Amino acid sequence: MKIRIHETDIDGTPVAYTGEYFEGANATEIVETMKKNPFQIDLTVEEYMRKILDKIGQKDFVLTEDDAALEFLNHLAKLNYASFEEQEIKTK
């Protein structure tokens, strides 16, 4: 799974075709990678997702326990803060 998290302009609006790529075996692994910086490393995955949702005005968005990370990434994509990317199929 691969996703691109878009940068935002000064007003907080996502800017298409910008941002960092994150890749992982599943959504939770991607979110764990997204939160790896000195200011967020101590947060749990759920705390990190809540913090990001709050920052983009989505504090009341409900995340279920079973698929929280996937719901989070899908919600970011729905709001244009992210886009899922095609992955190359590696063959030997």
Protein backbone atom coordinates (compact mmCIF):
# COMPACT_ATOMS: atom_id res chain seq x y z
CA MET A 1 0.00 0.00 0.00
CA LYS A 2 1.32 3.44 -0.91
CA ILE A 3 -0.13 6.87 -0.22
CA ARG A 4 0.94 10.44 -0.81
CA ILE A 5 0.13 12.97 1.91
CA HIS A 6 -0.28 16.36 0.28
CA GLU A 7 1.22 19.57 1.55
CA THR A 8 -1.18 22.41 2.33
CA ASP A 9 -1.13 26.07 1.44
CA ILE A 10 -1.14 28.87 4.00
CA ASP A 11 -4.92 28.49 4.42
CA GLY A 12 -4.67 24.75 5.09
CA THR A 13 -6.00 23.74 1.67
CA PRO A 14 -4.35 20.60 0.24
CA VAL A 15 -2.12 21.17 -2.78
CA ALA A 16 -2.39 18.39 -5.37
CA TYR A 17 0.74 16.70 -6.72
CA THR A 18 2.80 17.71 -3.67
CA GLY A 19 3.80 15.94 -0.51
CA GLU A 20 5.57 12.95 0.87
CA TYR A 21 5.01 9.30 -0.05
CA PHE A 22 4.46 6.65 2.61
CA GLU A 23 4.48 2.94 1.96
CA GLY A 24 3.61 -0.03 4.14
CA ALA A 25 2.13 -3.50 4.19
CA ASN A 26 -1.13 -2.09 5.57
CA ALA A 27 -2.75 1.17 6.69
CA THR A 28 -1.56 0.90 10.29
CA GLU A 29 2.04 0.50 9.17
CA ILE A 30 1.69 3.61 6.99
CA VAL A 31 0.27 5.68 9.86
CA GLU A 32 3.06 4.47 12.16
CA THR A 33 5.58 5.67 9.58
CA MET A 34 3.78 9.01 9.16
CA LYS A 35 4.09 9.80 12.86
CA LYS A 36 7.84 9.16 13.04
CA ASN A 37 9.29 12.54 13.78
CA PRO A 38 10.67 14.00 17.01
CA PHE A 39 7.44 15.83 17.85
CA GLN A 40 5.05 12.88 17.43
CA ILE A 41 7.06 9.72 18.04
CA ASP A 42 5.64 9.30 21.55
CA LEU A 43 2.02 9.40 20.36
CA THR A 44 0.07 6.21 19.82
CA VAL A 45 -1.32 5.63 16.34
CA GLU A 46 -4.79 6.61 17.59
CA GLU A 47 -3.51 9.80 19.28
CA TYR A 48 -1.66 10.74 16.10
CA MET A 49 -4.73 10.20 13.89
CA ARG A 50 -6.91 12.22 16.30
CA LYS A 51 -4.34 15.05 16.31
CA ILE A 52 -4.26 15.20 12.50
CA LEU A 53 -8.06 15.04 12.21
CA ASP A 54 -8.36 17.87 14.73
CA LYS A 55 -5.82 19.96 12.77
CA ILE A 56 -7.88 19.68 9.57
CA GLY A 57 -11.21 20.46 11.26
CA GLN A 58 -12.39 16.84 11.43
CA LYS A 59 -12.29 16.36 15.21
CA ASP A 60 -15.72 14.66 15.25
CA PHE A 61 -14.86 12.08 12.56
CA VAL A 62 -15.51 8.63 14.05
CA LEU A 63 -12.78 5.99 13.79
CA THR A 64 -13.70 2.40 14.57
CA GLU A 65 -11.22 0.19 16.38
CA ASP A 66 -11.06 -2.52 13.72
CA ASP A 67 -10.14 -0.44 10.68
CA ALA A 68 -9.19 2.92 12.20
CA ALA A 69 -6.00 3.47 10.22
CA LEU A 70 -7.63 2.56 6.90
CA GLU A 71 -10.64 4.75 7.68
CA PHE A 72 -8.27 7.59 8.57
CA LEU A 73 -6.32 7.31 5.30
CA ASN A 74 -9.52 6.96 3.26
CA HIS A 75 -10.94 10.05 4.97
CA LEU A 76 -7.79 12.05 4.21
CA ALA A 77 -8.05 10.94 0.57
CA LYS A 78 -11.75 11.84 0.42
CA LEU A 79 -10.88 15.36 1.62
CA ASN A 80 -7.97 15.59 -0.88
CA TYR A 81 -5.30 15.64 1.83
CA ALA A 82 -3.94 12.38 0.44
CA SER A 83 -4.01 10.19 -2.64
CA PHE A 84 -3.44 6.49 -2.95
CA GLU A 85 -0.71 5.61 -5.42
CA GLU A 86 -0.33 2.70 -7.78
CA GLN A 87 2.38 0.32 -6.75
CA GLU A 88 4.69 -1.39 -9.17
CA ILE A 89 4.40 -5.15 -9.19
CA LYS A 90 7.84 -6.60 -8.62
CA THR A 91 8.65 -9.75 -10.53
CA LYS A 92 11.77 -11.87 -10.49
